[in-house]
Structure formats: C-alpha cells, structure tokens
C-alpha cells in the first residue's frame, strides 16, 4: 500500500531537486522509495537543475580531495615520526652498547689491578676447599 506524501515532504523534494540531488539521494534522505520520488517529480514536472547538480558534484569532489590531502599529510607526519623514533632507538642501542663495553673494560682493568695488589683473594686454600665441600654435603644430606 503506497504511502501518501505530506505537503512538507513534497516541499523537501522540491528543495532537494533544486540542490541537484538525484532520485536515489532524495529517497535515502527522506526514507522513501526511489520510484515514489520519481513519480512525484514527474507529476510536479520537477526537472533536475544540472547546473546545481554539477556544482554539488564539484563541491563533493573538493571535499573528497581535501580529505585525501589531510590523510596523506597525516600519513606523511606519521612516517616522519616513526623514522625519528627508529633513529632514536638506534642511538640508544649504540649508547648502551658503548656503555656496556666501557663497563666491561673498567671491570677487567679493576680485576687485573686487584689480582696484582691482592693475589691471595684469588686462590682458595685446601682447607677452605674442604670446608666448603663439607658444608655443601651437609646441606644436601639435611635437605
């Protein structure tokens, strides 16, 4: 059963036609069938104003181009930021590697100096070895 169009809807259809919208676009906006919109336009002899339709399409094209430009610009900024972060990460890794090498060299130098100054710290007497071994055996037996 076809729905009747209210005077307000007919006015909206007229306004949308003058803006250059197609039957499909008008039907989608009003929640009506495209065939019904076509019938109303035919009955009222509403012709599409091609100039307005062309202007509408140009405006839509400009808006889409603007969005594409914004997306590309945003993407370019993200690539620059990512590249910057990767460079910083490489710098930090290089500093950490250098710090590690420096610390290993300092430790080796300090250990060599300590062996020279206090050689007795680097060997264990037979009594100490037996005491440690006995302690480990006792702990093993008690556990």
N, C-alpha and C. Protein backbone atom coordinates (compact mmCIF):
# COMPACT_ATOMS: atom_id res chain seq x y z
N UNK A 1 0.86 -1.18 0.00
CA UNK A 1 0.00 0.00 0.00
C UNK A 1 0.90 1.24 0.00
N UNK A 2 0.79 2.08 -1.01
CA UNK A 2 1.68 3.24 -1.10
C UNK A 2 1.38 4.27 -0.02
N UNK A 3 2.44 4.84 0.47
CA UNK A 3 2.29 5.91 1.46
C UNK A 3 2.05 7.22 0.73
N UNK A 4 1.19 8.03 1.31
CA UNK A 4 0.93 9.35 0.72
C UNK A 4 2.01 10.32 1.19
N UNK A 5 2.31 11.24 0.33
CA UNK A 5 3.33 12.23 0.65
C UNK A 5 2.67 13.45 1.29
N UNK A 6 3.25 13.88 2.39
CA UNK A 6 2.77 15.10 3.04
C UNK A 6 3.27 16.31 2.28
N UNK A 7 2.56 17.41 2.46
CA UNK A 7 2.94 18.65 1.78
C UNK A 7 4.38 19.04 2.15
N UNK A 8 4.74 18.80 3.40
CA UNK A 8 6.09 19.12 3.87
C UNK A 8 7.13 18.27 3.12
N UNK A 9 6.83 16.99 2.88
CA UNK A 9 7.75 16.12 2.15
C UNK A 9 7.88 16.56 0.69
N UNK A 10 6.78 16.97 0.10
CA UNK A 10 6.82 17.44 -1.29
C UNK A 10 7.70 18.69 -1.39
N UNK A 11 7.58 19.57 -0.39
CA UNK A 11 8.41 20.78 -0.35
C UNK A 11 9.89 20.40 -0.22
N UNK A 12 10.17 19.40 0.62
CA UNK A 12 11.54 18.93 0.78
C UNK A 12 12.07 18.37 -0.54
N UNK A 13 11.23 17.60 -1.22
CA UNK A 13 11.64 17.04 -2.51
C UNK A 13 11.96 18.16 -3.49
N UNK A 14 11.12 19.19 -3.54
CA UNK A 14 11.38 20.32 -4.43
C UNK A 14 12.71 20.99 -4.10
N UNK A 15 12.93 21.20 -2.80
CA UNK A 15 14.19 21.84 -2.38
C UNK A 15 15.40 20.99 -2.76
N UNK A 16 15.31 19.69 -2.54
CA UNK A 16 16.43 18.80 -2.83
C UNK A 16 16.68 18.69 -4.34
N UNK A 17 15.61 18.74 -5.13
CA UNK A 17 15.77 18.72 -6.58
C UNK A 17 16.50 19.98 -7.04
N UNK A 18 16.16 21.12 -6.47
CA UNK A 18 16.84 22.37 -6.87
C UNK A 18 18.30 22.36 -6.43
N UNK A 19 18.63 21.57 -5.41
CA UNK A 19 20.02 21.45 -4.98
C UNK A 19 20.81 20.52 -5.89
N UNK A 20 20.07 19.79 -6.76
CA UNK A 20 20.74 18.93 -7.73
C UNK A 20 20.87 17.49 -7.29
N UNK A 21 20.15 17.07 -6.25
CA UNK A 21 20.23 15.69 -5.79
C UNK A 21 19.47 14.76 -6.72
N UNK A 22 19.94 13.54 -6.81
CA UNK A 22 19.29 12.54 -7.66
C UNK A 22 18.11 11.93 -6.91
N UNK A 23 17.29 11.17 -7.65
CA UNK A 23 16.14 10.50 -7.02
C UNK A 23 16.61 9.58 -5.89
N UNK A 24 17.67 8.87 -6.15
CA UNK A 24 18.20 7.95 -5.13
C UNK A 24 18.63 8.70 -3.87
N UNK A 25 19.36 9.79 -4.04
CA UNK A 25 19.82 10.57 -2.89
C UNK A 25 18.64 11.15 -2.11
N UNK A 26 17.63 11.64 -2.82
CA UNK A 26 16.44 12.20 -2.16
C UNK A 26 15.72 11.09 -1.40
N UNK A 27 15.57 9.93 -2.04
CA UNK A 27 14.88 8.80 -1.40
C UNK A 27 15.61 8.39 -0.13
N UNK A 28 16.92 8.35 -0.17
CA UNK A 28 17.69 7.97 1.01
C UNK A 28 17.52 8.99 2.13
N UNK A 29 17.54 10.25 1.79
CA UNK A 29 17.39 11.29 2.82
C UNK A 29 16.02 11.27 3.49
N UNK A 30 14.99 11.00 2.67
CA UNK A 30 13.61 11.05 3.20
C UNK A 30 13.11 9.69 3.67
N UNK A 31 13.87 8.66 3.40
CA UNK A 31 13.44 7.32 3.81
C UNK A 31 12.26 6.81 2.98
N UNK A 32 12.25 7.19 1.72
CA UNK A 32 11.16 6.81 0.81
C UNK A 32 11.74 5.99 -0.32
N UNK A 33 10.84 5.37 -1.10
CA UNK A 33 11.27 4.59 -2.25
C UNK A 33 11.67 5.52 -3.39
N UNK A 34 12.67 5.09 -4.13
CA UNK A 34 13.16 5.89 -5.26
C UNK A 34 12.06 6.06 -6.32
N UNK A 35 11.28 5.01 -6.55
CA UNK A 35 10.19 5.07 -7.54
C UNK A 35 9.16 6.13 -7.14
N UNK A 36 8.85 6.23 -5.86
CA UNK A 36 7.91 7.24 -5.38
C UNK A 36 8.41 8.64 -5.62
N UNK A 37 9.69 8.86 -5.38
CA UNK A 37 10.30 10.17 -5.62
C UNK A 37 10.21 10.50 -7.11
N UNK A 38 10.52 9.51 -7.95
CA UNK A 38 10.46 9.71 -9.40
C UNK A 38 9.04 10.09 -9.84
N UNK A 39 8.03 9.43 -9.25
CA UNK A 39 6.63 9.73 -9.59
C UNK A 39 6.24 11.15 -9.19
N UNK A 40 6.64 11.55 -8.00
CA UNK A 40 6.33 12.90 -7.52
C UNK A 40 6.98 13.93 -8.46
N UNK A 41 8.23 13.70 -8.80
CA UNK A 41 8.92 14.64 -9.68
C UNK A 41 8.24 14.71 -11.05
N UNK A 42 7.80 13.57 -11.55
CA UNK A 42 7.13 13.55 -12.85
C UNK A 42 5.79 14.30 -12.77
N UNK A 43 5.03 14.03 -11.70
CA UNK A 43 3.73 14.68 -11.54
C UNK A 43 3.87 16.19 -11.40
N UNK A 44 4.90 16.62 -10.69
CA UNK A 44 5.10 18.06 -10.47
C UNK A 44 5.99 18.70 -11.54
N UNK A 45 6.42 17.88 -12.50
CA UNK A 45 7.30 18.36 -13.57
C UNK A 45 8.56 19.03 -13.01
N UNK A 46 9.16 18.35 -12.03
CA UNK A 46 10.39 18.87 -11.41
C UNK A 46 11.59 18.32 -12.19
N UNK A 47 12.25 19.18 -12.87
CA UNK A 47 13.44 18.80 -13.64
C UNK A 47 14.68 19.03 -12.79
N UNK A 48 15.67 18.21 -13.04
CA UNK A 48 16.93 18.37 -12.33
C UNK A 48 17.66 19.58 -12.89
N UNK A 49 18.08 20.42 -12.01
CA UNK A 49 18.85 21.58 -12.40
C UNK A 49 20.30 21.10 -12.54
N UNK A 50 20.72 20.87 -13.77
CA UNK A 50 22.05 20.31 -14.00
C UNK A 50 23.16 21.22 -13.49
N UNK A 51 22.93 22.51 -13.54
CA UNK A 51 23.95 23.43 -13.03
C UNK A 51 24.15 23.21 -11.53
N UNK A 52 23.04 23.13 -10.77
CA UNK A 52 23.15 22.88 -9.33
C UNK A 52 23.75 21.51 -9.06
N UNK A 53 23.36 20.52 -9.86
CA UNK A 53 23.88 19.18 -9.68
C UNK A 53 25.38 19.17 -9.94
N UNK A 54 25.80 19.88 -10.98
CA UNK A 54 27.22 19.97 -11.30
C UNK A 54 27.99 20.67 -10.17
N UNK A 55 27.41 21.77 -9.66
CA UNK A 55 28.05 22.49 -8.55
C UNK A 55 28.16 21.59 -7.32
N UNK A 56 27.10 20.83 -7.06
CA UNK A 56 27.09 19.90 -5.93
C UNK A 56 28.19 18.85 -6.08
N UNK A 57 28.33 18.32 -7.30
CA UNK A 57 29.38 17.34 -7.55
C UNK A 57 30.77 17.94 -7.41
N UNK A 58 30.94 19.17 -7.89
CA UNK A 58 32.23 19.84 -7.73
C UNK A 58 32.58 20.06 -6.27
N UNK A 59 31.58 20.46 -5.50
CA UNK A 59 31.79 20.68 -4.06
C UNK A 59 32.16 19.36 -3.38
N UNK A 60 31.45 18.31 -3.72
CA UNK A 60 31.73 16.99 -3.13
C UNK A 60 33.14 16.54 -3.51
N UNK A 61 33.53 16.79 -4.77
CA UNK A 61 34.87 16.44 -5.23
C UNK A 61 35.92 17.20 -4.43
N UNK A 62 35.69 18.49 -4.22
CA UNK A 62 36.65 19.31 -3.48
C UNK A 62 36.78 18.82 -2.03
N UNK A 63 35.65 18.46 -1.43
CA UNK A 63 35.70 17.94 -0.06
C UNK A 63 36.46 16.63 0.01
N UNK A 64 36.25 15.76 -0.97
CA UNK A 64 36.97 14.48 -1.00
C UNK A 64 38.46 14.69 -1.23
N UNK A 65 38.81 15.62 -2.10
CA UNK A 65 40.23 15.93 -2.33
C UNK A 65 40.88 16.47 -1.07
N UNK A 66 40.13 17.30 -0.34
CA UNK A 66 40.64 17.85 0.91
C UNK A 66 40.90 16.73 1.93
N UNK A 67 39.95 15.79 2.02
CA UNK A 67 40.13 14.66 2.94
C UNK A 67 41.32 13.81 2.55
N UNK A 68 41.48 13.56 1.25
CA UNK A 68 42.62 12.78 0.78
C UNK A 68 43.92 13.49 1.13
N UNK A 69 43.96 14.80 0.90
CA UNK A 69 45.15 15.58 1.23
C UNK A 69 45.46 15.50 2.73
N UNK A 70 44.42 15.64 3.56
CA UNK A 70 44.62 15.55 5.01
C UNK A 70 45.14 14.18 5.42
N UNK A 71 44.58 13.13 4.81
CA UNK A 71 45.04 11.78 5.14
C UNK A 71 46.49 11.56 4.72
N UNK A 72 46.82 12.05 3.53
CA UNK A 72 48.21 11.90 3.06
C UNK A 72 49.17 12.69 3.94
N UNK A 73 48.76 13.89 4.32
CA UNK A 73 49.59 14.72 5.19
C UNK A 73 49.78 14.04 6.54
N UNK A 74 48.70 13.51 7.07
CA UNK A 74 48.76 12.81 8.36
C UNK A 74 49.67 11.59 8.26
N UNK A 75 49.53 10.86 7.16
CA UNK A 75 50.35 9.67 6.96
C UNK A 75 51.82 10.06 6.84
N UNK A 76 52.11 11.13 6.14
CA UNK A 76 53.49 11.59 5.99
C UNK A 76 54.08 11.98 7.35
N UNK A 77 53.28 12.65 8.18
CA UNK A 77 53.74 13.03 9.51
C UNK A 77 54.04 11.79 10.36
N UNK A 78 53.17 10.79 10.24
CA UNK A 78 53.39 9.55 11.00
C UNK A 78 54.65 8.85 10.54
N UNK A 79 54.92 8.87 9.24
CA UNK A 79 56.13 8.24 8.72
C UNK A 79 57.37 8.97 9.24
N UNK A 80 57.31 10.30 9.26
CA UNK A 80 58.44 11.09 9.78
C UNK A 80 58.65 10.78 11.27
N UNK A 81 57.56 10.72 12.03
CA UNK A 81 57.67 10.42 13.46
C UNK A 81 58.25 9.02 13.68
N UNK A 82 57.78 8.06 12.89
CA UNK A 82 58.27 6.70 13.02
C UNK A 82 59.75 6.63 12.70
N UNK A 83 60.15 7.31 11.65
CA UNK A 83 61.56 7.34 11.27
C UNK A 83 62.40 7.97 12.38
N UNK A 84 61.89 9.04 12.95
CA UNK A 84 62.59 9.71 14.05
C UNK A 84 62.73 8.77 15.25
N UNK A 85 61.66 8.06 15.56
CA UNK A 85 61.71 7.12 16.69
C UNK A 85 62.69 5.99 16.42
N UNK A 86 62.73 5.51 15.19
CA UNK A 86 63.68 4.44 14.86
C UNK A 86 65.12 4.94 14.97
N UNK A 87 65.36 6.18 14.55
CA UNK A 87 66.71 6.75 14.68
C UNK A 87 67.10 6.88 16.15
N UNK A 88 66.16 7.34 16.99
CA UNK A 88 66.45 7.48 18.42
C UNK A 88 66.72 6.11 19.05
N UNK A 89 65.96 5.12 18.61
CA UNK A 89 66.15 3.76 19.13
C UNK A 89 67.55 3.26 18.78
N UNK A 90 68.00 3.50 17.56
CA UNK A 90 69.34 3.08 17.15
C UNK A 90 70.41 3.82 17.96
N UNK A 91 70.19 5.11 18.20
CA UNK A 91 71.15 5.88 19.00
C UNK A 91 71.25 5.32 20.41
N UNK A 92 70.10 5.01 21.01
CA UNK A 92 70.08 4.48 22.38
C UNK A 92 70.80 3.13 22.42
N UNK A 93 70.53 2.29 21.43
CA UNK A 93 71.22 0.99 21.37
C UNK A 93 72.73 1.18 21.27
N UNK A 94 73.15 2.13 20.45
CA UNK A 94 74.59 2.38 20.29
C UNK A 94 75.20 2.86 21.61
N UNK A 95 74.50 3.76 22.31
CA UNK A 95 75.00 4.24 23.61
C UNK A 95 75.05 3.10 24.63
N UNK A 96 74.03 2.27 24.64
CA UNK A 96 74.02 1.15 25.59
C UNK A 96 75.15 0.17 25.30
N UNK A 97 75.40 -0.10 24.03
CA UNK A 97 76.49 -0.99 23.66
C UNK A 97 77.83 -0.39 24.08
N UNK A 98 77.99 0.90 23.84
CA UNK A 98 79.22 1.59 24.23
C UNK A 98 79.40 1.56 25.75
N UNK A 99 78.31 1.84 26.48
CA UNK A 99 78.36 1.79 27.95
C UNK A 99 78.73 0.40 28.44
N UNK A 100 78.16 -0.62 27.82
CA UNK A 100 78.44 -2.00 28.23
C UNK A 100 79.92 -2.32 28.00
N UNK A 101 80.43 -1.93 26.83
CA UNK A 101 81.84 -2.19 26.53
C UNK A 101 82.75 -1.45 27.50
N UNK A 102 82.39 -0.20 27.80
CA UNK A 102 83.18 0.61 28.73
C UNK A 102 83.19 -0.03 30.11
N UNK A 103 82.01 -0.47 30.56
CA UNK A 103 81.92 -1.11 31.87
C UNK A 103 82.71 -2.42 31.92
N UNK A 104 82.68 -3.19 30.85
CA UNK A 104 83.44 -4.44 30.81
C UNK A 104 84.94 -4.16 30.87
N UNK A 105 85.37 -3.12 30.15
CA UNK A 105 86.80 -2.76 30.18
C UNK A 105 87.22 -2.31 31.57
N UNK A 106 86.39 -1.48 32.21
CA UNK A 106 86.71 -0.99 33.56
C UNK A 106 86.76 -2.15 34.55
N UNK A 107 85.81 -3.08 34.41
CA UNK A 107 85.78 -4.24 35.31
C UNK A 107 87.02 -5.10 35.11
N UNK A 108 87.38 -5.32 33.85
CA UNK A 108 88.57 -6.14 33.57
C UNK A 108 89.82 -5.46 34.12
N UNK A 109 89.93 -4.15 33.93
CA UNK A 109 91.09 -3.41 34.45
C UNK A 109 91.14 -3.47 35.97
N UNK A 110 90.00 -3.25 36.62
CA UNK A 110 89.93 -3.29 38.09
C UNK A 110 90.28 -4.68 38.60
N UNK A 111 89.81 -5.72 37.93
CA UNK A 111 90.09 -7.09 38.35
C UNK A 111 91.58 -7.40 38.22
N UNK A 112 92.19 -6.93 37.13
CA UNK A 112 93.62 -7.15 36.93
C UNK A 112 94.43 -6.43 38.01
N UNK A 113 94.06 -5.21 38.33
CA UNK A 113 94.74 -4.45 39.39
C UNK A 113 94.59 -5.14 40.74
N UNK A 114 93.40 -5.65 41.01
CA UNK A 114 93.14 -6.32 42.28
C UNK A 114 93.96 -7.61 42.38
N UNK A 115 94.09 -8.35 41.28
CA UNK A 115 94.90 -9.58 41.28
C UNK A 115 96.36 -9.26 41.56
N UNK A 116 96.80 -8.12 41.03
CA UNK A 116 98.19 -7.71 41.25
C UNK A 116 98.41 -7.28 42.69
N UNK A 117 97.49 -6.51 43.25
CA UNK A 117 97.65 -5.98 44.61
C UNK A 117 97.33 -7.01 45.69
N UNK A 118 96.32 -7.87 45.46
CA UNK A 118 95.88 -8.84 46.48
C UNK A 118 95.70 -10.22 45.84
N UNK A 119 96.79 -10.86 45.48
CA UNK A 119 96.67 -12.16 44.81
C UNK A 119 96.04 -13.24 45.71
N UNK A 120 96.17 -13.08 47.02
CA UNK A 120 95.63 -14.09 47.94
C UNK A 120 94.10 -14.20 47.85
N UNK A 121 93.45 -13.17 47.33
CA UNK A 121 92.00 -13.22 47.18
C UNK A 121 91.54 -14.15 46.06
N UNK A 122 92.48 -14.53 45.19
CA UNK A 122 92.09 -15.27 44.00
C UNK A 122 92.47 -16.75 44.03
N UNK A 123 92.93 -17.22 45.15
CA UNK A 123 93.13 -18.66 45.27
C UNK A 123 92.54 -19.11 46.60
N UNK A 124 92.12 -20.36 46.61
CA UNK A 124 91.47 -20.93 47.79
C UNK A 124 92.38 -22.01 48.33
N UNK A 125 92.59 -21.97 49.63
CA UNK A 125 93.45 -22.97 50.26
C UNK A 125 92.73 -24.32 50.30
N UNK A 126 93.51 -25.35 50.52
CA UNK A 126 92.93 -26.70 50.57
C UNK A 126 91.94 -26.83 51.72
N UNK A 127 92.22 -26.21 52.82
CA UNK A 127 91.33 -26.25 53.97
C UNK A 127 90.00 -25.57 53.64
N UNK A 128 90.09 -24.45 52.97
CA UNK A 128 88.87 -23.73 52.58
C UNK A 128 88.03 -24.56 51.61
N UNK A 129 88.72 -25.24 50.67
CA UNK A 129 88.00 -26.08 49.72
C UNK A 129 87.28 -27.22 50.44
N UNK A 130 87.95 -27.86 51.38
CA UNK A 130 87.35 -28.98 52.12
C UNK A 130 86.18 -28.48 52.96
N UNK A 131 86.32 -27.30 53.58
CA UNK A 131 85.25 -26.74 54.40
C UNK A 131 84.02 -26.45 53.54
N UNK A 132 84.21 -25.86 52.40
CA UNK A 132 83.08 -25.56 51.51
C UNK A 132 82.41 -26.83 51.03
N UNK A 133 83.22 -27.84 50.67
CA UNK A 133 82.68 -29.10 50.19
C UNK A 133 81.88 -29.79 51.29
N UNK A 134 82.40 -29.78 52.48
CA UNK A 134 81.71 -30.40 53.62
C UNK A 134 80.39 -29.67 53.90
N UNK A 135 80.38 -28.35 53.80
CA UNK A 135 79.17 -27.57 54.03
C UNK A 135 78.10 -27.93 52.99
N UNK A 136 78.52 -28.06 51.76
CA UNK A 136 77.57 -28.41 50.69
C UNK A 136 77.02 -29.82 50.89
N UNK A 137 77.88 -30.75 51.30
CA UNK A 137 77.42 -32.14 51.54
C UNK A 137 76.42 -32.17 52.69
N UNK A 138 76.71 -31.45 53.76
CA UNK A 138 75.81 -31.41 54.93
C UNK A 138 74.44 -30.81 54.53
N UNK A 139 74.46 -29.75 53.75
CA UNK A 139 73.20 -29.15 53.31
C UNK A 139 72.42 -30.12 52.43
N UNK A 140 73.13 -30.85 51.58
CA UNK A 140 72.47 -31.81 50.70
C UNK A 140 71.85 -32.95 51.51
N UNK A 141 72.60 -33.43 52.52
CA UNK A 141 72.09 -34.53 53.36
C UNK A 141 70.89 -34.10 54.21
N UNK A 142 70.89 -32.86 54.65
CA UNK A 142 69.80 -32.36 55.51
C UNK A 142 68.55 -31.98 54.72
N UNK A 143 68.69 -31.79 53.44
CA UNK A 143 67.51 -31.38 52.67
C UNK A 143 66.72 -32.54 52.14
